[in-house]
Amino acid sequence: MDARTDHDLILVGGGLAAGLIVWRLALDRPDLRVAVVERDGRIGGRHTWSFFDGDVSDADRDWLKPATAHRWEAGYDVFFHGLSRSLRTPYNSLTSERLHQAVAPLLGDRLIAGEAVEVAPDRVTLSDGRVLIASGVIDARGPTMTSHLDLGWQVFLGRTLKLARPHGLTRPTIMDATVGQGDAYRFVYLLPFDATTMLVEDTYYADAPTLDRDLIRARIDAYARSRGWTVEQVIGEEEGVLPIVLDGDIEGFWAEGEPVARVGLAAALFHPTTGYSLPDAVATARMIAGMEDLSSAALRAATESRSKALWAERAFYRLLDRMLFRAAEPGERWKVLRRFYGLPEGIVRRFYAGRSTALDKVRLLAGKPPVPVVKAIHQLRETRTGPGQSAGKVAA
């Protein structure tokens, strides 16, 4: 079968980055014929994406309100051995359900359920033989194997729990690192959705991209018991294996694969340390919506240029990642984060937004490091990772 359909733009993959691009184009360029190819025919999968107020502009926060299921004006908490702190920056969470509800009606029958087997600058071929033709194609399927990035991993599994009695929390807990550590930096992340509904996510900054679902589920159950919570029902579950970039060769990274535009994790468009991708996805959607030329060649040039520019700007964060993963013993990594959260709130806020000032960087590195000095010094120089040196897989 060779059923041809003409589009101005096709996005292959229906995750966060693709969903925001479609949404922004529908608002700014409603005349364009935009299609999304997604395996299960839904936008967003099963995910919660969160961001601080400082991560995006007020205008973008207003844009995202229909997909923002939860907002905590009072800020958030962190807990470490020897440090408990409340920070005032408001926190927001989008859900895949809300994102789908906002974006799917804009696409209608141009949200195409199917699996792409070939992605080229002028067409997308599906496993059932359909060939979709477009002047612009963006690969938003998520990353694949690469030998050009040296990676650590943020591994997590979260369960949304319905509790028998109110949990008593009114603010998110971004990090509860008082839990046992072991061979990774481990913390529990809590989002109180209502008085008796809570997302409990067990997260690890680990050396390997290993997700032991049964183990983490058992630890979430144990954590709930330790808080005195009785679970009536597990409403939902989500998981992720996200990259933490230590160093790499961005030129080699972009030379891989088909010569089409890439967005999201596949374009290294995420915060190198936190793994947060929503701010970059918002900025990328704005950029693409503002482009006059949406040909594949122009889209490739724009997304590659943006990725490389941000790579250069974010070298400092990769240095901190090397300090965390290479200079600190796995069971002691929590001390690095404890020191970070003891700094002034403005430094913390700008760090999450990826806008640390020169003075912020001095403060982040000043004083006795919470890692062995000799090991810390060895991480000051970034190296270029090439084929055969360090391979990693980035998994959404």
Protein backbone atom coordinates (compact mmCIF):
# COMPACT_ATOMS: atom_id res chain seq x y z
CA MET A 1 0.00 0.00 0.00
CA ASP A 2 1.31 3.47 -0.87
CA ALA A 3 -1.24 6.00 0.31
CA ARG A 4 0.30 9.47 -0.01
CA THR A 5 -0.69 12.43 2.13
CA ASP A 6 0.71 15.92 1.74
CA HIS A 7 1.70 17.99 4.76
CA ASP A 8 3.72 21.11 5.40
CA LEU A 9 5.40 19.56 8.43
CA ILE A 10 5.54 16.07 9.91
CA LEU A 11 6.78 15.38 13.42
CA VAL A 12 7.79 11.79 14.03
CA GLY A 13 7.11 11.03 17.69
CA GLY A 14 4.48 12.57 19.92
CA GLY A 15 6.31 13.41 23.14
CA LEU A 16 6.63 16.71 24.97
CA ALA A 17 8.81 18.50 22.40
CA ALA A 18 6.58 17.52 19.48
CA GLY A 19 3.40 18.33 21.37
CA LEU A 20 4.58 21.84 22.22
CA ILE A 21 5.69 22.50 18.64
CA VAL A 22 2.28 21.49 17.30
CA TRP A 23 0.52 23.58 19.93
CA ARG A 24 2.61 26.68 19.27
CA LEU A 25 2.23 26.36 15.48
CA ALA A 26 -1.54 26.01 15.84
CA LEU A 27 -1.59 29.28 17.79
CA ASP A 28 0.83 31.23 15.60
CA ARG A 29 0.55 29.56 12.18
CA PRO A 30 -2.91 27.96 11.95
CA ASP A 31 -2.72 27.79 8.16
CA LEU A 32 0.01 25.13 8.26
CA ARG A 33 -0.79 21.47 7.66
CA VAL A 34 1.03 19.76 10.53
CA ALA A 35 0.91 16.01 11.25
CA VAL A 36 2.30 13.88 14.06
CA VAL A 37 3.17 10.20 13.73
CA GLU A 38 3.04 8.47 17.11
CA ARG A 39 3.01 4.74 17.71
CA ASP A 40 0.00 4.69 20.06
CA GLY A 41 -1.79 7.68 18.57
CA ARG A 42 -1.53 9.76 21.77
CA ILE A 43 0.44 12.85 22.67
CA GLY A 44 2.76 12.67 25.66
CA GLY A 45 2.76 9.03 26.71
CA ARG A 46 2.51 8.63 30.50
CA HIS A 47 4.57 11.41 32.06
CA THR A 48 4.57 14.36 34.41
CA TRP A 49 6.81 17.29 33.44
CA SER A 50 7.58 19.91 36.05
CA PHE A 51 9.19 23.33 36.04
CA PHE A 52 9.88 26.27 38.33
CA ASP A 53 8.45 29.70 37.62
CA GLY A 54 11.93 30.96 36.85
CA ASP A 55 12.43 28.36 34.12
CA VAL A 56 10.06 29.95 31.58
CA SER A 57 8.63 33.41 30.94
CA ASP A 58 5.29 34.55 32.32
CA ALA A 59 3.91 34.51 28.77
CA ASP A 60 4.93 30.89 28.32
CA ARG A 61 3.50 29.91 31.69
CA ASP A 62 0.19 31.45 30.59
CA TRP A 63 0.37 29.51 27.32
CA LEU A 64 0.95 26.24 29.19
CA LYS A 65 -1.88 26.72 31.70
CA PRO A 66 -4.35 24.38 29.91
CA ALA A 67 -1.83 21.53 30.29
CA THR A 68 -0.66 22.54 33.76
CA ALA A 69 -2.56 20.23 36.06
CA HIS A 70 -0.94 21.43 39.28
CA ARG A 71 0.70 24.59 40.62
CA TRP A 72 2.16 25.19 44.07
CA GLU A 73 2.46 28.91 44.77
CA ALA A 74 4.12 28.36 48.15
CA GLY A 75 7.26 26.77 46.68
CA TYR A 76 8.89 23.47 47.64
CA ASP A 77 10.97 21.63 50.23
CA VAL A 78 14.23 19.66 50.26
CA PHE A 79 15.51 17.32 52.97
CA PHE A 80 19.04 16.03 53.60
CA HIS A 81 20.80 14.75 56.67
CA GLY A 82 21.85 17.97 58.36
CA LEU A 83 19.78 20.29 56.12
CA SER A 84 16.04 20.83 55.69
CA ARG A 85 14.94 23.83 53.70
CA SER A 86 11.85 25.47 52.21
CA LEU A 87 12.37 27.50 49.04
CA ARG A 88 9.87 30.05 47.78
CA THR A 89 9.97 29.61 43.99
CA PRO A 90 6.54 28.37 42.77
CA TYR A 91 6.47 24.96 41.10
CA ASN A 92 4.30 23.67 38.25
CA SER A 93 3.52 20.26 36.75
CA LEU A 94 2.15 19.37 33.33
CA THR A 95 0.63 15.96 32.73
CA SER A 96 0.52 13.92 29.56
CA GLU A 97 -3.27 13.66 29.88
CA ARG A 98 -3.65 17.43 29.88
CA LEU A 99 -1.12 17.84 27.06
CA HIS A 100 -3.02 15.33 24.92
CA GLN A 101 -6.30 17.09 25.65
CA ALA A 102 -4.80 20.42 24.56
CA VAL A 103 -2.98 19.24 21.43
CA ALA A 104 -4.91 16.28 19.96
CA PRO A 105 -7.97 18.35 18.95
CA LEU A 106 -5.65 20.70 17.04
CA LEU A 107 -4.46 17.78 14.93
CA GLY A 108 -7.66 15.80 14.43
CA ASP A 109 -6.98 13.03 11.91
CA ARG A 110 -3.45 14.37 11.44
CA LEU A 111 -2.50 12.61 14.68
CA ILE A 112 -1.49 9.39 12.94
CA ALA A 113 -1.13 6.13 14.84
CA GLY A 114 1.73 4.20 13.34
CA GLU A 115 5.41 3.34 13.52
CA ALA A 116 7.90 5.12 11.30
CA VAL A 117 10.44 2.80 9.70
CA GLU A 118 12.15 5.42 7.56
CA VAL A 119 12.52 9.15 8.15
CA ALA A 120 13.88 11.28 5.32
CA PRO A 121 13.89 15.05 4.64
CA ASP A 122 10.88 14.82 2.35
CA ARG A 123 8.93 11.80 3.58
CA VAL A 124 8.11 9.41 6.39
CA THR A 125 7.48 5.74 5.65
CA LEU A 126 5.33 3.77 8.09
CA SER A 127 5.49 0.08 8.88
CA ASP A 128 2.15 -0.52 7.15
CA GLY A 129 3.48 0.90 3.89
CA ARG A 130 2.01 4.38 4.05
CA VAL A 131 4.29 7.13 2.77
CA LEU A 132 3.66 10.62 4.12
CA ILE A 133 5.09 13.48 2.09
CA ALA A 134 6.11 16.84 3.57
CA SER A 135 8.45 19.72 2.85
CA GLY A 136 9.55 19.67 6.49
CA VAL A 137 10.28 16.68 8.73
CA ILE A 138 11.34 16.67 12.39
CA ASP A 139 12.50 13.54 14.20
CA ALA A 140 11.08 13.73 17.72
CA ARG A 141 11.16 10.02 18.56
CA GLY A 142 13.74 10.32 21.29
CA PRO A 143 17.43 9.45 21.28
CA THR A 144 19.24 6.34 20.14
CA MET A 145 22.62 4.75 20.80
CA THR A 146 25.51 7.18 20.54
CA SER A 147 29.24 6.94 21.11
CA HIS A 148 29.64 10.70 21.21
CA LEU A 149 28.22 11.56 24.63
CA ASP A 150 29.62 10.49 27.98
CA LEU A 151 26.61 10.02 30.22
CA GLY A 152 25.47 9.38 33.73
CA TRP A 153 21.82 8.55 34.33
CA GLN A 154 18.81 9.75 36.23
CA VAL A 155 16.68 6.65 36.72
CA PHE A 156 13.24 6.88 38.29
CA LEU A 157 9.90 5.23 38.77
CA GLY A 158 6.92 7.08 40.16
CA ARG A 159 3.57 5.86 41.42
CA THR A 160 0.51 8.04 41.96
CA LEU A 161 -1.05 6.83 45.20
CA LYS A 162 -4.54 7.29 46.60
CA LEU A 163 -4.20 7.31 50.37
CA ALA A 164 -6.72 6.32 53.01
CA ARG A 165 -6.17 9.54 54.97
CA PRO A 166 -4.81 13.03 54.18
CA HIS A 167 -1.03 13.10 53.85
CA GLY A 168 -0.74 16.61 55.29
CA LEU A 169 1.65 18.00 52.66
CA THR A 170 0.89 21.26 50.89
CA ARG A 171 4.17 21.70 48.96
CA PRO A 172 6.21 19.42 46.70
CA THR A 173 9.29 17.75 48.10
CA ILE A 174 11.81 18.03 45.29
CA MET A 175 14.39 15.93 47.11
CA ASP A 176 14.09 13.81 50.23
CA ALA A 177 17.63 12.48 50.37
CA THR A 178 17.33 11.17 53.93
CA VAL A 179 16.57 7.75 52.44
CA GLY A 180 19.23 5.05 52.10
CA GLN A 181 21.80 5.76 49.40
CA GLY A 182 23.75 2.65 48.32
CA ASP A 183 25.52 2.75 44.94
CA ALA A 184 23.79 5.90 43.60
CA TYR A 185 22.58 9.29 44.76
CA ARG A 186 19.01 8.43 45.73
CA PHE A 187 16.13 10.69 46.67
CA VAL A 188 12.36 10.56 46.85
CA TYR A 189 10.32 13.18 44.99
CA LEU A 190 6.79 13.99 46.19
CA LEU A 191 4.01 15.88 44.43
CA PRO A 192 0.86 16.30 46.54
CA PHE A 193 -1.92 16.53 43.95
CA ASP A 194 -4.71 16.81 46.51
CA ALA A 195 -5.28 16.00 50.19
CA THR A 196 -5.13 12.23 49.64
CA THR A 197 -3.40 11.84 46.25
CA MET A 198 0.38 11.87 45.97
CA LEU A 199 2.96 11.12 43.29
CA VAL A 200 5.85 9.30 44.99
CA GLU A 201 8.87 8.99 42.74
CA ASP A 202 12.04 7.13 43.69
CA THR A 203 15.00 8.61 41.78
CA TYR A 204 18.66 7.63 41.36
CA TYR A 205 21.66 9.44 39.88
CA ALA A 206 23.32 6.23 38.76
CA ASP A 207 26.29 5.14 36.69
CA ALA A 208 24.25 2.66 34.63
CA PRO A 209 20.83 3.04 32.92
CA THR A 210 19.31 0.17 34.88
CA LEU A 211 15.68 0.40 36.00
CA ASP A 212 14.71 -2.34 38.45
CA ARG A 213 10.96 -1.80 38.54
CA ASP A 214 10.12 -4.39 41.19
CA LEU A 215 12.82 -3.12 43.53
CA ILE A 216 11.75 0.50 43.17
CA ARG A 217 8.06 -0.34 43.62
CA ALA A 218 8.94 -2.13 46.85
CA ARG A 219 10.95 0.89 48.01
CA ILE A 220 8.05 3.23 47.25
CA ASP A 221 5.76 0.99 49.29
CA ALA A 222 8.28 1.01 52.16
CA TYR A 223 8.63 4.79 51.97
CA ALA A 224 4.86 5.25 52.15
CA ARG A 225 4.73 3.02 55.23
CA SER A 226 7.56 4.98 56.84
CA ARG A 227 5.47 8.14 56.47
CA GLY A 228 2.46 6.45 58.04
CA TRP A 229 0.49 6.46 54.78
CA THR A 230 -1.98 3.68 53.99
CA VAL A 231 -2.32 3.17 50.24
CA GLU A 232 -5.84 2.47 49.02
CA GLN A 233 -5.01 2.38 45.32
CA VAL A 234 -2.17 2.86 42.85
CA ILE A 235 -3.74 5.23 40.32
CA GLY A 236 -0.89 5.42 37.85
CA GLU A 237 2.77 4.73 37.21
CA GLU A 238 5.46 6.42 35.15
CA GLU A 239 9.15 5.84 34.67
CA GLY A 240 12.21 7.27 32.99
CA VAL A 241 15.88 6.73 32.26
CA LEU A 242 17.19 10.22 31.51
CA PRO A 243 20.68 11.32 30.48
CA ILE A 244 23.00 13.37 32.64
CA VAL A 245 25.71 14.70 30.33
CA LEU A 246 29.28 14.64 31.59
CA ASP A 247 31.09 15.54 28.37
CA GLY A 248 31.16 14.60 24.72
CA ASP A 249 31.60 15.54 21.09
CA ILE A 250 28.59 17.57 19.96
CA GLU A 251 29.82 17.73 16.36
CA GLY A 252 30.03 13.95 16.16
CA PHE A 253 26.67 13.65 17.89
CA TRP A 254 24.95 15.71 15.20
CA ALA A 255 26.82 13.97 12.36
CA GLU A 256 25.04 10.71 13.26
CA GLY A 257 21.76 9.57 11.74
CA GLU A 258 19.55 11.00 9.03
CA PRO A 259 20.00 14.63 7.92
CA VAL A 260 16.73 15.84 9.45
CA ALA A 261 15.92 18.15 12.33
CA ARG A 262 15.94 16.68 15.82
CA VAL A 263 14.31 18.03 18.96
CA GLY A 264 14.05 17.11 22.64
CA LEU A 265 16.39 14.56 24.16
CA ALA A 266 17.53 13.45 20.69
CA ALA A 267 18.96 16.94 20.15
CA ALA A 268 20.62 17.15 23.60
CA LEU A 269 18.09 19.87 24.43
CA PHE A 270 17.75 19.41 28.17
CA HIS A 271 19.44 20.67 31.31
CA PRO A 272 22.69 18.68 31.58
CA THR A 273 22.43 18.23 35.36
CA THR A 274 18.74 18.00 36.19
CA GLY A 275 17.51 16.37 32.99
CA TYR A 276 14.64 18.90 32.86
CA SER A 277 13.56 19.21 29.22
CA LEU A 278 10.43 21.37 29.37
CA PRO A 279 12.14 24.80 29.25
CA ASP A 280 14.14 23.80 26.17
CA ALA A 281 11.04 22.28 24.58
CA VAL A 282 9.17 25.57 25.12
CA ALA A 283 12.01 27.61 23.62
CA THR A 284 12.34 25.25 20.66
CA ALA A 285 8.61 25.45 19.94
CA ARG A 286 8.79 29.24 20.01
CA MET A 287 11.79 29.21 17.67
CA ILE A 288 10.17 26.92 15.12
CA ALA A 289 6.87 28.82 15.19
CA GLY A 290 8.81 31.98 14.36
CA MET A 291 10.64 30.54 11.35
CA GLU A 292 9.47 31.63 7.90
CA ASP A 293 11.15 28.67 6.22
CA LEU A 294 9.98 25.33 7.60
CA SER A 295 11.74 23.18 5.04
CA SER A 296 13.68 20.19 6.34
CA ALA A 297 16.98 21.87 5.52
CA ALA A 298 16.09 25.05 7.43
CA LEU A 299 14.70 23.09 10.39
CA ARG A 300 17.81 20.94 10.56
CA ALA A 301 20.08 23.98 10.49
CA ALA A 302 18.07 25.76 13.19
CA THR A 303 17.79 22.85 15.63
CA GLU A 304 21.42 21.81 15.17
CA SER A 305 22.62 25.38 15.65
CA ARG A 306 20.52 25.82 18.80
CA SER A 307 21.75 22.53 20.26
CA LYS A 308 25.40 23.40 19.63
CA ALA A 309 25.04 26.92 21.01
CA LEU A 310 23.47 25.63 24.23
CA TRP A 311 26.12 22.92 24.46
CA ALA A 312 28.79 25.61 24.49
CA GLU A 313 26.89 27.72 27.04
CA ARG A 314 26.35 24.79 29.40
CA ALA A 315 29.91 23.53 29.78
CA PHE A 316 29.88 24.57 33.45
CA TYR A 317 26.98 22.23 34.22
CA ARG A 318 28.81 19.33 32.62
CA LEU A 319 31.77 20.12 34.87
CA LEU A 320 29.50 19.86 37.90
CA ASP A 321 28.17 16.56 36.57
CA ARG A 322 31.69 15.19 36.34
CA MET A 323 32.32 16.30 39.91
CA LEU A 324 29.19 14.44 40.98
CA PHE A 325 29.72 11.24 39.02
CA ARG A 326 33.51 10.93 38.81
CA ALA A 327 34.89 12.71 41.86
CA ALA A 328 32.30 11.64 44.46
CA GLU A 329 31.81 8.08 45.63
CA PRO A 330 28.25 6.94 44.75
CA GLY A 331 27.13 6.70 48.36
CA GLU A 332 28.52 10.18 49.10
CA ARG A 333 26.98 12.06 46.15
CA TRP A 334 24.20 13.38 48.33
CA LYS A 335 26.72 15.64 50.08
CA VAL A 336 27.28 17.53 46.82
CA LEU A 337 23.55 18.26 46.55
CA ARG A 338 23.29 19.16 50.23
CA ARG A 339 26.00 21.78 49.79
CA PHE A 340 24.23 23.12 46.70
CA TYR A 341 20.93 23.55 48.54
CA GLY A 342 22.68 25.49 51.28
CA LEU A 343 23.44 28.32 48.84
CA PRO A 344 21.29 31.46 48.44
CA GLU A 345 17.95 30.81 46.79
CA GLY A 346 18.73 33.03 43.79
CA ILE A 347 21.68 30.79 42.90
CA VAL A 348 19.48 27.71 43.14
CA ARG A 349 16.76 29.30 41.01
CA ARG A 350 19.15 30.44 38.27
CA PHE A 351 20.88 27.06 38.28
CA TYR A 352 17.64 25.22 37.53
CA ALA A 353 16.84 27.72 34.79
CA GLY A 354 20.28 27.17 33.22
CA ARG A 355 21.16 30.85 33.69
CA SER A 356 23.88 30.78 36.34
CA THR A 357 25.88 34.00 36.44
CA ALA A 358 29.66 34.18 36.60
CA LEU A 359 29.39 34.98 40.31
CA ASP A 360 27.02 32.05 40.80
CA LYS A 361 29.61 29.74 39.28
CA VAL A 362 32.28 31.04 41.61
CA ARG A 363 30.01 30.44 44.61
CA LEU A 364 29.16 26.93 43.39
CA LEU A 365 32.85 25.99 43.23
CA ALA A 366 34.19 28.05 46.14
CA GLY A 367 35.32 26.56 49.41
CA LYS A 368 36.29 23.02 50.27
CA PRO A 369 34.56 20.69 47.80
CA PRO A 370 32.39 17.87 49.21
CA VAL A 371 34.50 15.47 47.09
CA PRO A 372 38.19 14.50 47.22
CA VAL A 373 40.25 17.49 46.04
CA VAL A 374 42.53 15.50 43.73
CA LYS A 375 39.60 13.86 42.00
CA ALA A 376 37.86 17.22 41.67
CA ILE A 377 40.89 18.78 39.98
CA HIS A 378 41.01 15.94 37.46
CA GLN A 379 37.50 16.84 36.29
CA LEU A 380 38.21 20.47 35.50
CA ARG A 381 39.10 19.76 31.91
CA GLU A 382 36.39 18.57 29.55
CA THR A 383 37.34 16.00 26.94
CA ARG A 384 35.77 15.22 23.60
CA THR A 385 34.22 11.79 23.51
CA GLY A 386 34.52 10.09 20.14
CA PRO A 387 33.72 6.71 18.65
CA GLY A 388 35.12 3.86 20.69
CA GLN A 389 35.67 5.94 23.82
CA SER A 390 32.42 6.06 25.75
CA ALA A 391 29.08 4.81 24.51
CA GLY A 392 25.74 5.50 26.05
CA LYS A 393 22.07 5.18 25.29
CA VAL A 394 19.74 8.04 26.07
CA ALA A 395 16.30 6.63 26.88
CA ALA A 396 13.19 8.69 27.27
